[in-house]
C-alpha atoms as a PDB file:
ATOM      1  CA  MET A   1     112.437  94.446-130.931  1.00  0.00           C
ATOM      2  CA  GLU A   2     109.796  94.107-133.503  1.00  0.00           C
ATOM      3  CA  ILE A   3     106.617  92.583-132.533  1.00  0.00           C
ATOM      4  CA  GLU A   4     104.717  90.145-135.273  1.00  0.00           C
ATOM      5  CA  ILE A   5     100.860  90.503-135.297  1.00  0.00           C
ATOM      6  CA  LYS A   6      99.366  87.650-136.463  1.00  0.00           C
ATOM      7  CA  GLU A   7      95.470  87.267-137.806  1.00  0.00           C
ATOM      8  CA  GLU A   8      93.307  85.049-136.734  1.00  0.00           C
ATOM      9  CA  LYS A   9      92.647  82.117-139.786  1.00  0.00           C
ATOM     10  CA  LEU A  10      89.686  81.877-141.243  1.00  0.00           C
ATOM     11  CA  LYS A  11      88.938  78.355-139.832  1.00  0.00           C
ATOM     12  CA  ARG A  12      88.976  80.047-136.226  1.00  0.00           C
ATOM     13  CA  SER A  13      86.547  82.879-137.318  1.00  0.00           C
ATOM     14  CA  ILE A  14      84.343  80.106-138.876  1.00  0.00           C
ATOM     15  CA  ALA A  15      84.621  78.027-135.648  1.00  0.00           C
ATOM     16  CA  LYS A  16      84.054  80.858-133.335  1.00  0.00           C
ATOM     17  CA  THR A  17      80.984  82.186-135.179  1.00  0.00           C
ATOM     18  CA  ALA A  18      79.105  78.698-135.138  1.00  0.00           C
ATOM     19  CA  SER A  19      79.848  78.375-131.522  1.00  0.00           C
ATOM     20  CA  TRP A  20      78.573  81.530-130.447  1.00  0.00           C
ATOM     21  CA  ARG A  21      75.525  81.404-132.629  1.00  0.00           C
ATOM     22  CA  ILE A  22      74.421  77.841-131.130  1.00  0.00           C
ATOM     23  CA  ILE A  23      74.600  79.512-127.846  1.00  0.00           C
ATOM     24  CA  GLY A  24      72.841  82.653-128.877  1.00  0.00           C
ATOM     25  CA  THR A  25      70.022  80.532-130.803  1.00  0.00           C
ATOM     26  CA  VAL A  26      69.456  78.401-128.018  1.00  0.00           C
ATOM     27  CA  SER A  27      69.074  81.056-125.681  1.00  0.00           C
ATOM     28  CA  THR A  28      66.788  82.861-128.091  1.00  0.00           C
ATOM     29  CA  VAL A  29      64.496  79.542-128.755  1.00  0.00           C
ATOM     30  CA  VAL A  30      64.197  79.284-124.954  1.00  0.00           C
ATOM     31  CA  ILE A  31      63.036  83.100-124.214  1.00  0.00           C
ATOM     32  CA  SER A  32      61.097  83.054-127.465  1.00  0.00           C
ATOM     33  CA  TYR A  33      59.090  80.044-126.065  1.00  0.00           C
ATOM     34  CA  LEU A  34      58.898  81.372-122.538  1.00  0.00           C
ATOM     35  CA  ILE A  35      57.233  84.408-124.249  1.00  0.00           C
ATOM     36  CA  THR A  36      55.026  82.501-126.589  1.00  0.00           C
ATOM     37  CA  GLY A  37      54.446  79.479-125.402  1.00  0.00           C
ATOM     38  CA  THR A  38      54.412  77.992-128.565  1.00  0.00           C
ATOM     39  CA  LEU A  39      57.737  76.184-129.629  1.00  0.00           C
ATOM     40  CA  ALA A  40      57.253  76.289-133.647  1.00  0.00           C
ATOM     41  CA  LEU A  41      57.156  79.711-133.146  1.00  0.00           C
ATOM     42  CA  ALA A  42      60.086  79.969-130.896  1.00  0.00           C
ATOM     43  CA  PHE A  43      62.125  77.650-133.563  1.00  0.00           C
ATOM     44  CA  SER A  44      60.937  79.974-136.517  1.00  0.00           C
ATOM     45  CA  ILE A  45      62.056  82.818-134.314  1.00  0.00           C
ATOM     46  CA  GLY A  46      65.628  81.104-133.422  1.00  0.00           C
ATOM     47  CA  VAL A  47      66.001  80.052-137.033  1.00  0.00           C
ATOM     48  CA  VAL A  48      65.707  83.686-138.288  1.00  0.00           C
ATOM     49  CA  GLU A  49      68.029  84.986-135.522  1.00  0.00           C
ATOM     50  CA  LEU A  50      70.549  82.492-136.414  1.00  0.00           C
ATOM     51  CA  ILE A  51      70.987  82.836-139.756  1.00  0.00           C
ATOM     52  CA  SER A  52      70.852  86.642-139.600  1.00  0.00           C
ATOM     53  CA  LYS A  53      73.525  86.995-136.631  1.00  0.00           C
ATOM     54  CA  LEU A  54      75.887  84.020-137.921  1.00  0.00           C
ATOM     55  CA  VAL A  55      76.284  86.311-141.069  1.00  0.00           C
ATOM     56  CA  LEU A  56      76.551  89.795-139.253  1.00  0.00           C
ATOM     57  CA  TYR A  57      79.258  88.214-136.808  1.00  0.00           C
ATOM     58  CA  PHE A  58      81.178  86.633-139.171  1.00  0.00           C
ATOM     59  CA  PHE A  59      82.016  89.694-141.022  1.00  0.00           C
ATOM     60  CA  HIS A  60      82.252  91.951-138.069  1.00  0.00           C
ATOM     61  CA  GLU A  61      84.774  89.539-136.858  1.00  0.00           C
ATOM     62  CA  ARG A  62      86.896  89.317-139.677  1.00  0.00           C
ATOM     63  CA  ALA A  63      86.635  93.477-140.356  1.00  0.00           C
ATOM     64  CA  TRP A  64      88.109  93.910-136.123  1.00  0.00           C
ATOM     65  CA  ASN A  65      90.676  91.091-137.570  1.00  0.00           C
ATOM     66  CA  LYS A  66      91.909  93.938-139.864  1.00  0.00           C
ATOM     67  CA  ILE A  67      92.150  96.820-137.194  1.00  0.00           C
ATOM     68  CA  LYS A  68      95.339  96.504-135.499  1.00  0.00           C
ATOM     69  CA  TRP A  69      94.528  98.630-132.521  1.00  0.00           C
ATOM     70  CA  GLY A  70      94.669  97.497-129.348  1.00  0.00           C
ATOM     71  CA  LYS A  71      96.798  94.005-130.857  1.00  0.00           C
END
């Protein structure tokens, strides 16, 4: 019996990346605001975090999709 290994589609990876980053960025903004007390600074930190981690997560997810181990 042959097991077919399906690769995740690009659109699915993009959707997962976006939804996870929304959750992560909202939590970062809230934590940043609680620490700094400044909403503008909290949003600035959130924007930097959003962009950098969107890119990093996307490539991390795509790289893991190519690894057959554990599928």
